[in-house]
Protein backbone atom coordinates (compact mmCIF):
# COMPACT_ATOMS: atom_id res chain seq x y z
CA MET A 1 7.32 13.04 15.73
CA ALA A 2 5.64 16.37 16.32
CA THR A 3 2.05 16.45 17.43
CA ILE A 4 -0.61 18.40 15.59
CA LYS A 5 -0.73 20.88 18.48
CA GLU A 6 3.01 21.59 18.17
CA ILE A 7 2.71 22.05 14.41
CA PHE A 8 -0.16 24.54 14.84
CA LYS A 9 1.83 26.41 17.47
CA TRP A 10 4.83 26.66 15.12
CA VAL A 11 2.64 27.79 12.20
CA ASP A 12 0.95 30.39 14.44
CA GLN A 13 4.33 31.69 15.60
CA TYR A 14 5.78 31.94 12.08
CA THR A 15 2.73 32.97 10.02
CA ALA A 16 4.43 36.10 8.68
CA THR A 17 7.47 34.06 7.63
CA ILE A 18 5.34 31.46 5.87
CA ALA A 19 3.35 34.18 4.08
CA ALA A 20 6.46 36.09 2.96
CA ILE A 21 8.16 32.95 1.66
CA GLY A 22 4.94 31.86 -0.07
CA ILE A 23 4.60 35.23 -1.81
CA GLY A 24 8.28 35.16 -2.77
CA LEU A 25 7.95 31.69 -4.29
CA PHE A 26 4.83 32.81 -6.18
CA PHE A 27 6.73 35.71 -7.79
CA ILE A 28 9.70 33.52 -8.70
CA PHE A 29 7.54 30.77 -10.23
CA HIS A 30 5.54 33.44 -12.08
CA HIS A 31 8.75 34.88 -13.53
CA PHE A 32 10.06 31.55 -14.77
CA GLY A 33 6.62 30.46 -16.00
CA ARG A 34 6.38 33.33 -18.47
CA PRO A 35 7.11 32.69 -22.15
CA ASN A 36 10.56 33.62 -23.42
CA LEU A 37 10.08 36.53 -25.83
CA LYS A 38 13.64 37.36 -26.86
CA THR A 39 13.39 36.91 -30.66
CA PRO A 40 10.78 37.73 -33.32
CA SER A 41 10.25 33.99 -33.87
CA SER A 42 8.86 33.70 -30.32
CA VAL A 43 5.71 35.54 -31.46
CA VAL A 44 3.00 34.25 -33.79
CA TYR A 45 0.24 36.27 -35.47
CA VAL A 46 -3.37 35.15 -35.67
CA GLU A 47 -6.17 36.79 -37.61
CA GLY A 48 -9.89 36.47 -37.33
CA LYS A 49 -13.20 38.24 -37.22
CA VAL A 50 -14.27 39.68 -33.89
CA THR A 51 -17.26 37.83 -32.46
CA ASP A 52 -17.22 39.77 -29.20
CA TYR A 53 -15.06 41.69 -26.76
CA SER A 54 -15.40 42.71 -23.14
CA PHE A 55 -13.69 45.69 -21.56
CA PRO A 56 -15.58 46.23 -18.31
CA HIS A 57 -15.47 49.76 -16.99
CA LYS A 58 -17.53 51.19 -14.17
CA PRO A 59 -17.47 54.99 -14.14
CA GLY A 60 -16.76 56.42 -10.71
CA HIS A 61 -14.98 53.30 -9.42
CA LYS A 62 -11.27 53.69 -8.85
CA VAL A 63 -10.68 49.95 -8.78
CA ALA A 64 -12.26 48.62 -11.96
CA PRO A 65 -11.88 45.04 -13.16
CA LYS A 66 -8.77 44.75 -15.27
CA GLN A 67 -9.79 41.82 -17.42
CA TYR A 68 -10.06 42.68 -21.10
CA TYR A 69 -11.10 39.86 -23.45
CA ILE A 70 -11.47 39.44 -27.21
CA TRP A 71 -13.07 36.50 -29.01
CA LEU A 72 -12.38 35.66 -32.66
CA ASP A 73 -14.61 33.52 -34.88
CA ASN A 74 -12.15 30.80 -35.88
CA TYR A 75 -10.53 30.23 -32.47
CA ALA A 76 -12.12 28.49 -29.47
CA CYS A 77 -9.84 30.14 -26.90
CA THR A 78 -10.30 33.49 -25.22
CA PHE A 79 -7.74 36.17 -25.98
CA GLN A 80 -6.88 38.34 -22.99
CA ILE A 81 -5.04 41.60 -22.64
CA LYS A 82 -2.82 41.16 -19.62
CA SER A 83 -3.46 43.63 -16.82
CA ASP A 84 0.21 44.69 -17.14
CA PHE A 85 -0.54 45.83 -20.71
CA ILE A 86 -3.84 47.66 -20.17
CA SER A 87 -2.11 51.02 -19.80
CA TYR A 88 -0.70 50.53 -23.33
CA PHE A 89 -4.05 49.52 -24.85
CA TYR A 90 -6.03 52.16 -26.75
CA ARG A 91 -9.41 50.92 -25.55
CA SER A 92 -11.61 53.82 -26.62
CA ARG A 93 -10.08 53.86 -30.11
CA PHE A 94 -10.54 50.08 -30.37
CA GLU A 95 -14.19 50.35 -29.31
CA ARG A 96 -14.76 53.17 -31.81
CA ASP A 97 -13.00 51.50 -34.76
CA VAL A 98 -13.62 47.77 -34.31
CA LYS A 99 -17.09 46.30 -34.66
CA LYS A 100 -18.26 42.69 -34.45
CA GLY A 101 -17.39 41.00 -37.72
CA ASP A 102 -14.31 43.14 -38.41
CA SER A 103 -11.02 41.33 -39.04
CA ILE A 104 -8.21 42.02 -36.61
CA LYS A 105 -4.69 40.72 -36.20
CA LEU A 106 -3.29 39.64 -32.82
CA ALA A 107 0.23 38.73 -31.78
CA ILE A 108 0.56 36.01 -29.14
CA PRO A 109 3.51 34.12 -27.63
CA LYS A 110 4.34 31.16 -29.89
CA VAL A 111 4.26 28.76 -26.92
CA TYR A 112 0.47 29.24 -26.77
CA GLU A 113 -0.09 28.36 -30.43
CA ASN A 114 -1.19 24.81 -29.54
CA LYS A 115 -3.95 26.16 -27.23
CA LEU A 116 -5.80 28.18 -29.86
CA GLN A 117 -8.60 25.62 -30.16
CA ASP A 118 -8.92 24.92 -26.42
CA ARG A 119 -12.11 26.54 -25.07
CA ARG A 120 -10.68 26.65 -21.55
CA SER A 121 -7.55 28.60 -22.54
CA ASN A 122 -6.91 32.28 -22.01
CA ILE A 123 -4.14 33.38 -24.33
CA PHE A 124 -2.36 36.66 -23.64
CA ILE A 125 -2.27 39.19 -26.45
CA LEU A 126 0.97 41.06 -27.15
CA SER A 127 -0.39 43.29 -29.93
CA THR A 128 -3.70 44.12 -31.59
CA SER A 129 -4.24 45.81 -34.92
CA LYS A 130 -6.81 46.37 -37.64
CA ASN A 131 -5.39 47.22 -41.05
CA SER A 132 -2.70 49.80 -40.18
CA ALA A 133 -4.18 50.94 -36.84
CA ASP A 134 -2.43 49.60 -33.77
CA TYR A 135 -4.36 49.34 -30.50
CA LEU A 136 -1.66 47.48 -28.56
CA ARG A 137 1.97 47.48 -29.73
CA LEU A 138 4.68 44.84 -29.46
CA SER A 139 7.24 47.60 -28.97
CA GLU A 140 5.57 48.37 -25.62
CA THR A 141 4.43 44.94 -24.43
CA ILE A 142 7.58 42.90 -25.06
CA PRO A 143 9.83 45.07 -22.84
CA LYS A 144 7.14 45.01 -20.14
CA GLU A 145 6.86 41.21 -20.41
CA ASN A 146 10.64 40.83 -20.22
CA ASN A 147 11.21 43.05 -17.18
CA HIS A 148 12.56 41.39 -14.07
CA PHE A 149 10.23 42.87 -11.46
CA ASP A 150 8.91 39.41 -10.52
CA ILE A 151 12.32 37.99 -9.72
CA TYR A 152 13.29 41.05 -7.64
CA ALA A 153 10.00 40.98 -5.74
CA GLY A 154 10.38 37.24 -5.16
CA LEU A 155 13.92 37.61 -3.83
CA PHE A 156 12.81 40.50 -1.62
CA PHE A 157 9.99 38.49 -0.03
CA LEU A 158 12.18 35.38 0.41
CA THR A 159 14.89 37.48 2.08
CA ALA A 160 12.40 39.33 4.28
CA GLY A 161 10.79 36.04 5.32
CA GLY A 162 14.18 34.51 6.14
CA ILE A 163 15.30 37.53 8.17
CA TYR A 164 11.99 37.63 10.06
CA TYR A 165 12.32 33.92 10.83
CA LEU A 166 15.85 34.34 12.19
CA LEU A 167 14.90 37.36 14.31
CA LYS A 168 11.85 35.58 15.69
CA ARG A 169 13.70 32.31 16.37
CA ASN A 170 16.51 34.11 18.19
CA SER A 171 13.93 36.05 20.25
CA ILE A 172 15.15 39.39 18.96
CA ILE A 173 11.55 40.28 18.16
CA PRO A 174 8.59 38.96 20.13
């Protein structure tokens, strides 16, 4: 049985490997944890009156918070525009056109339908519209949600971690 000191020595020696494999596993689990959005029946529409929204923006800051939220009157959850979708969201038009009390229509993944009344839930929005004005479109968010970047990034980090481990173990790199 290894002693604590030996375990710490091994962890110290292979920190980069552990980090790379950890990041790789995160990306892979993230990919497979996403909802499957292959058919129109995998999306459900909800409507409600806007009670509030939050689109933080600090002028002059390059790295602004990318957490956009919308709250509707008849749902306890918080609706969130995923950071991956913010570039597709017409924020200024939304802020100009939509006021508190206005009815809007949101599209969400059907798998989150049972969390609509859970106060602790953040449900990702796939589209946002008021009457005929679209502020976030399914035609842009669904392809982005279905891309395979996560799986490729995960495989890259797992491979890099494995190669680094082998090189380090065989004393090819110090």
